Amino acid sequence: MASRFYGVNVGAMNPKDVTEAAATNTMAVELAIDLTKCTDKLQAVQLIEAIKNYIQTTETNPIA
């Protein structure tokens, strides 16, 4: 599976704070994008927004 992993640690707010690699970074928050299923930047951004919306409106544990 061809994936890209994006990671960020607590306190990061800028693009320069994000790491990008072909393997896990073991950061505070990581996101893996399967490049065979998500094939363009707009689609990736929309999917990330869906995760963000879920966390803001639905998730209560463990990050309540």
C-alpha atoms as a PDB file:
ATOM      1  CA  MET A   1       0.000   0.000   0.000  1.00  0.00           C
ATOM      2  CA  ALA A   2       1.396   3.400  -0.964  1.00  0.00           C
ATOM      3  CA  SER A   3       0.746   5.800   1.901  1.00  0.00           C
ATOM      4  CA  ARG A   4       2.042   9.130   3.135  1.00  0.00           C
ATOM      5  CA  PHE A   5       2.105   9.858   6.852  1.00  0.00           C
ATOM      6  CA  TYR A   6       1.734  13.350   8.262  1.00  0.00           C
ATOM      7  CA  GLY A   7       2.548  13.985  11.899  1.00  0.00           C
ATOM      8  CA  VAL A   8       2.425  16.889  14.301  1.00  0.00           C
ATOM      9  CA  ASN A   9       3.259  17.334  17.956  1.00  0.00           C
ATOM     10  CA  VAL A  10       1.333  19.237  20.611  1.00  0.00           C
ATOM     11  CA  GLY A  11       1.739  22.989  20.280  1.00  0.00           C
ATOM     12  CA  ALA A  12       2.331  22.978  16.537  1.00  0.00           C
ATOM     13  CA  MET A  13       0.293  25.453  14.517  1.00  0.00           C
ATOM     14  CA  ASN A  14       2.222  26.081  11.297  1.00  0.00           C
ATOM     15  CA  PRO A  15       2.899  24.054   8.156  1.00  0.00           C
ATOM     16  CA  LYS A  16       6.612  23.988   9.033  1.00  0.00           C
ATOM     17  CA  ASP A  17       5.717  22.023  12.191  1.00  0.00           C
ATOM     18  CA  VAL A  18       4.260  19.099  10.219  1.00  0.00           C
ATOM     19  CA  THR A  19       6.415  16.165   9.220  1.00  0.00           C
ATOM     20  CA  GLU A  20       5.797  14.096   6.107  1.00  0.00           C
ATOM     21  CA  ALA A  21       7.207  10.614   5.555  1.00  0.00           C
ATOM     22  CA  ALA A  22       6.581   7.225   3.978  1.00  0.00           C
ATOM     23  CA  ALA A  23       6.327   5.617   7.433  1.00  0.00           C
ATOM     24  CA  THR A  24       4.872   6.525  10.807  1.00  0.00           C
ATOM     25  CA  ASN A  25       6.469   9.403  12.683  1.00  0.00           C
ATOM     26  CA  THR A  26       5.060   8.524  16.138  1.00  0.00           C
ATOM     27  CA  MET A  27       3.896  12.075  16.750  1.00  0.00           C
ATOM     28  CA  ALA A  28       1.046  13.285  18.991  1.00  0.00           C
ATOM     29  CA  VAL A  29      -1.318  13.192  16.007  1.00  0.00           C
ATOM     30  CA  GLU A  30      -0.750  11.283  12.780  1.00  0.00           C
ATOM     31  CA  LEU A  31      -2.684  10.973   9.578  1.00  0.00           C
ATOM     32  CA  ALA A  32      -2.108   8.320   6.934  1.00  0.00           C
ATOM     33  CA  ILE A  33      -3.310   8.912   3.389  1.00  0.00           C
ATOM     34  CA  ASP A  34      -3.621   5.875   1.130  1.00  0.00           C
ATOM     35  CA  LEU A  35      -2.485   7.214  -2.226  1.00  0.00           C
ATOM     36  CA  THR A  36      -4.313   4.450  -4.101  1.00  0.00           C
ATOM     37  CA  LYS A  37      -7.675   5.572  -2.687  1.00  0.00           C
ATOM     38  CA  CYS A  38      -7.186   9.310  -2.269  1.00  0.00           C
ATOM     39  CA  THR A  39      -5.703  10.607  -5.471  1.00  0.00           C
ATOM     40  CA  ASP A  40      -5.830  14.397  -5.308  1.00  0.00           C
ATOM     41  CA  LYS A  41      -5.192  17.223  -2.872  1.00  0.00           C
ATOM     42  CA  LEU A  42      -8.766  18.555  -2.763  1.00  0.00           C
ATOM     43  CA  GLN A  43     -10.116  15.131  -1.915  1.00  0.00           C
ATOM     44  CA  ALA A  44      -7.545  14.761   0.893  1.00  0.00           C
ATOM     45  CA  VAL A  45      -8.462  18.163   2.336  1.00  0.00           C
ATOM     46  CA  GLN A  46     -12.174  17.318   2.254  1.00  0.00           C
ATOM     47  CA  LEU A  47     -11.584  14.009   4.032  1.00  0.00           C
ATOM     48  CA  ILE A  48      -9.442  15.703   6.686  1.00  0.00           C
ATOM     49  CA  GLU A  49     -12.211  18.282   7.195  1.00  0.00           C
ATOM     50  CA  ALA A  50     -14.662  15.416   7.766  1.00  0.00           C
ATOM     51  CA  ILE A  51     -12.388  14.022  10.498  1.00  0.00           C
ATOM     52  CA  LYS A  52     -12.032  17.493  12.044  1.00  0.00           C
ATOM     53  CA  ASN A  53     -15.820  17.969  12.032  1.00  0.00           C
ATOM     54  CA  TYR A  54     -16.311  14.566  13.643  1.00  0.00           C
ATOM     55  CA  ILE A  55     -13.872  15.355  16.437  1.00  0.00           C
ATOM     56  CA  GLN A  56     -15.457  18.767  17.058  1.00  0.00           C
ATOM     57  CA  THR A  57     -19.056  17.565  17.092  1.00  0.00           C
ATOM     58  CA  THR A  58     -19.103  13.897  18.100  1.00  0.00           C
ATOM     59  CA  GLU A  59     -15.936  12.629  19.767  1.00  0.00           C
ATOM     60  CA  THR A  60     -15.937  12.758  23.565  1.00  0.00           C
ATOM     61  CA  ASN A  61     -13.369  10.165  24.600  1.00  0.00           C
ATOM     62  CA  PRO A  62     -10.455  10.289  25.258  1.00  0.00           C
ATOM     63  CA  ILE A  63     -10.011  13.866  24.057  1.00  0.00           C
ATOM     64  CA  ALA A  64     -13.084  15.343  25.723  1.00  0.00           C
END
